[in-house]
Amino acid sequence: MTSGVCEGNISYLELNVSFIDPTEEQGDPQKGSSMPPSVYLIDNELYFDTPCDGCTLNIVDSNNVVVYTTVIPTGTTSLVLPQTLSGEYELQIICGNYLFYGKIDLP
């Protein structure tokens, strides 16, 4: 995993991409792009420069346990993460058959 670039209190997240097998229940073969979305973090708020409408967002701890999950609503440009989360996690955005993931440090 690569970490993001930090400018002041803005952390631009560098996301890797993985293909999800369409024969598994997670993927939707009709939806998704292999280009990672542009996402950045200010405090506990994620901002989407690239639309992620209908994608699933997971926050995963170091034991591979999903500690937060939500479906990103249509038209969402930002999303506040729970204040109870702090420390280093893996951010996952699942769009169709693609999993975008990277390190996220929450205050």
C-alpha atoms as a PDB file:
ATOM      1  CA  MET A   1       0.000   0.000   0.000  1.00  0.00           C
ATOM      2  CA  THR A   2       1.158   3.484  -0.692  1.00  0.00           C
ATOM      3  CA  SER A   3       0.401   6.400   1.543  1.00  0.00           C
ATOM      4  CA  GLY A   4      -1.070   9.668   0.414  1.00  0.00           C
ATOM      5  CA  VAL A   5       0.530  13.036  -0.180  1.00  0.00           C
ATOM      6  CA  CYS A   6      -0.029  15.552   2.592  1.00  0.00           C
ATOM      7  CA  GLU A   7      -0.332  19.298   1.985  1.00  0.00           C
ATOM      8  CA  GLY A   8      -1.171  21.154   5.197  1.00  0.00           C
ATOM      9  CA  ASN A   9      -4.115  19.302   6.680  1.00  0.00           C
ATOM     10  CA  ILE A  10      -5.142  17.860   3.277  1.00  0.00           C
ATOM     11  CA  SER A  11      -4.077  14.258   2.577  1.00  0.00           C
ATOM     12  CA  TYR A  12      -4.409  13.191  -1.054  1.00  0.00           C
ATOM     13  CA  LEU A  13      -4.924   9.425  -1.053  1.00  0.00           C
ATOM     14  CA  GLU A  14      -3.016   7.229  -3.469  1.00  0.00           C
ATOM     15  CA  LEU A  15      -5.245   4.307  -4.329  1.00  0.00           C
ATOM     16  CA  ASN A  16      -4.197   0.978  -5.784  1.00  0.00           C
ATOM     17  CA  VAL A  17      -6.572  -1.093  -7.915  1.00  0.00           C
ATOM     18  CA  SER A  18      -7.520  -4.752  -7.838  1.00  0.00           C
ATOM     19  CA  PHE A  19      -9.994  -6.631 -10.036  1.00  0.00           C
ATOM     20  CA  ILE A  20     -12.853  -8.469  -8.295  1.00  0.00           C
ATOM     21  CA  ASP A  21     -13.844 -11.761  -9.925  1.00  0.00           C
ATOM     22  CA  PRO A  22     -17.311 -11.196 -11.503  1.00  0.00           C
ATOM     23  CA  THR A  23     -18.342 -14.749 -10.510  1.00  0.00           C
ATOM     24  CA  GLU A  24     -18.173 -13.653  -6.858  1.00  0.00           C
ATOM     25  CA  GLU A  25     -21.177 -11.875  -5.372  1.00  0.00           C
ATOM     26  CA  GLN A  26     -19.265  -8.607  -4.662  1.00  0.00           C
ATOM     27  CA  GLY A  27     -18.887  -7.428  -8.227  1.00  0.00           C
ATOM     28  CA  ASP A  28     -21.300  -5.898 -10.715  1.00  0.00           C
ATOM     29  CA  PRO A  29     -19.972  -6.510 -14.246  1.00  0.00           C
ATOM     30  CA  GLN A  30     -22.042  -3.646 -15.667  1.00  0.00           C
ATOM     31  CA  LYS A  31     -20.512  -0.982 -13.456  1.00  0.00           C
ATOM     32  CA  GLY A  32     -17.094   0.390 -12.666  1.00  0.00           C
ATOM     33  CA  SER A  33     -13.910   1.778 -14.123  1.00  0.00           C
ATOM     34  CA  SER A  34     -10.325   0.657 -13.597  1.00  0.00           C
ATOM     35  CA  MET A  35      -9.198   4.262 -13.045  1.00  0.00           C
ATOM     36  CA  PRO A  36      -8.781   5.029  -9.335  1.00  0.00           C
ATOM     37  CA  PRO A  37     -10.993   7.834  -8.079  1.00  0.00           C
ATOM     38  CA  SER A  38      -9.412  11.059  -6.872  1.00  0.00           C
ATOM     39  CA  VAL A  39     -10.010  11.216  -3.122  1.00  0.00           C
ATOM     40  CA  TYR A  40      -8.557  13.381  -0.369  1.00  0.00           C
ATOM     41  CA  LEU A  41      -8.990  13.667   3.381  1.00  0.00           C
ATOM     42  CA  ILE A  42      -9.293  16.702   5.646  1.00  0.00           C
ATOM     43  CA  ASP A  43      -9.539  15.659   9.297  1.00  0.00           C
ATOM     44  CA  ASN A  44     -12.293  12.985   9.321  1.00  0.00           C
ATOM     45  CA  GLU A  45     -13.958  14.082   6.080  1.00  0.00           C
ATOM     46  CA  LEU A  46     -13.357  12.406   2.711  1.00  0.00           C
ATOM     47  CA  TYR A  47     -13.733  14.483  -0.458  1.00  0.00           C
ATOM     48  CA  PHE A  48     -14.377  12.966  -3.876  1.00  0.00           C
ATOM     49  CA  ASP A  49     -13.018  14.796  -6.928  1.00  0.00           C
ATOM     50  CA  THR A  50     -14.214  11.824  -8.979  1.00  0.00           C
ATOM     51  CA  PRO A  51     -17.833  10.639  -8.630  1.00  0.00           C
ATOM     52  CA  CYS A  52     -18.175   7.380  -6.688  1.00  0.00           C
ATOM     53  CA  ASP A  53     -21.985   7.184  -6.936  1.00  0.00           C
ATOM     54  CA  GLY A  54     -23.319   3.889  -5.606  1.00  0.00           C
ATOM     55  CA  CYS A  55     -19.881   2.502  -4.745  1.00  0.00           C
ATOM     56  CA  THR A  56     -19.289   0.777  -1.406  1.00  0.00           C
ATOM     57  CA  LEU A  57     -16.823   2.441   0.957  1.00  0.00           C
ATOM     58  CA  ASN A  58     -15.171   0.305   3.648  1.00  0.00           C
ATOM     59  CA  ILE A  59     -12.759   1.260   6.413  1.00  0.00           C
ATOM     60  CA  VAL A  60     -10.733  -1.828   7.388  1.00  0.00           C
ATOM     61  CA  ASP A  61      -8.524  -2.204  10.474  1.00  0.00           C
ATOM     62  CA  SER A  62      -5.157  -3.975  10.737  1.00  0.00           C
ATOM     63  CA  ASN A  63      -6.933  -7.295  11.476  1.00  0.00           C
ATOM     64  CA  ASN A  64      -8.837  -7.075   8.163  1.00  0.00           C
ATOM     65  CA  VAL A  65     -12.073  -6.307  10.017  1.00  0.00           C
ATOM     66  CA  VAL A  66     -14.455  -3.842   8.343  1.00  0.00           C
ATOM     67  CA  VAL A  67     -15.050  -1.244  11.070  1.00  0.00           C
ATOM     68  CA  TYR A  68     -17.171   1.079   8.903  1.00  0.00           C
ATOM     69  CA  THR A  69     -19.069   0.562   5.673  1.00  0.00           C
ATOM     70  CA  THR A  70     -21.499   2.642   3.632  1.00  0.00           C
ATOM     71  CA  VAL A  71     -22.789   3.003   0.092  1.00  0.00           C
ATOM     72  CA  ILE A  72     -21.761   6.374  -1.337  1.00  0.00           C
ATOM     73  CA  PRO A  73     -24.981   8.222  -2.282  1.00  0.00           C
ATOM     74  CA  THR A  74     -25.437   9.650  -5.774  1.00  0.00           C
ATOM     75  CA  GLY A  75     -24.013  13.155  -6.101  1.00  0.00           C
ATOM     76  CA  THR A  76     -21.874  12.899  -2.947  1.00  0.00           C
ATOM     77  CA  THR A  77     -18.782  15.111  -3.006  1.00  0.00           C
ATOM     78  CA  SER A  78     -17.813  14.602   0.646  1.00  0.00           C
ATOM     79  CA  LEU A  79     -18.454  12.109   3.411  1.00  0.00           C
ATOM     80  CA  VAL A  80     -17.834  12.553   7.142  1.00  0.00           C
ATOM     81  CA  LEU A  81     -16.260   9.480   8.749  1.00  0.00           C
ATOM     82  CA  PRO A  82     -17.111   8.603  12.360  1.00  0.00           C
ATOM     83  CA  GLN A  83     -15.106  10.553  14.961  1.00  0.00           C
ATOM     84  CA  THR A  84     -14.673   7.277  16.863  1.00  0.00           C
ATOM     85  CA  LEU A  85     -12.216   6.082  14.210  1.00  0.00           C
ATOM     86  CA  SER A  86      -8.628   7.192  14.657  1.00  0.00           C
ATOM     87  CA  GLY A  87      -5.315   5.756  13.569  1.00  0.00           C
ATOM     88  CA  GLU A  88      -4.213   3.918  10.451  1.00  0.00           C
ATOM     89  CA  TYR A  89      -6.729   1.984   8.360  1.00  0.00           C
ATOM     90  CA  GLU A  90      -7.197   0.717   4.831  1.00  0.00           C
ATOM     91  CA  LEU A  91      -9.740   2.648   2.783  1.00  0.00           C
ATOM     92  CA  GLN A  92     -11.582   0.504   0.242  1.00  0.00           C
ATOM     93  CA  ILE A  93     -13.888   1.760  -2.477  1.00  0.00           C
ATOM     94  CA  ILE A  94     -15.635  -1.005  -4.403  1.00  0.00           C
ATOM     95  CA  CYS A  95     -17.013   0.097  -7.779  1.00  0.00           C
ATOM     96  CA  GLY A  96     -18.389  -2.697  -9.897  1.00  0.00           C
ATOM     97  CA  ASN A  97     -15.623  -5.248 -10.389  1.00  0.00           C
ATOM     98  CA  TYR A  98     -12.877  -2.965  -9.110  1.00  0.00           C
ATOM     99  CA  LEU A  99     -11.519  -2.526  -5.612  1.00  0.00           C
ATOM    100  CA  PHE A 100      -9.593   0.680  -4.989  1.00  0.00           C
ATOM    101  CA  TYR A 101      -7.611   0.634  -1.763  1.00  0.00           C
ATOM    102  CA  GLY A 102      -4.989   2.565   0.112  1.00  0.00           C
ATOM    103  CA  LYS A 103      -3.759   3.667   3.512  1.00  0.00           C
ATOM    104  CA  ILE A 104      -5.735   6.273   5.410  1.00  0.00           C
ATOM    105  CA  ASP A 105      -4.634   7.974   8.657  1.00  0.00           C
ATOM    106  CA  LEU A 106      -7.506   9.328  10.711  1.00  0.00           C
ATOM    107  CA  PRO A 107      -6.851  11.845  13.505  1.00  0.00           C
END
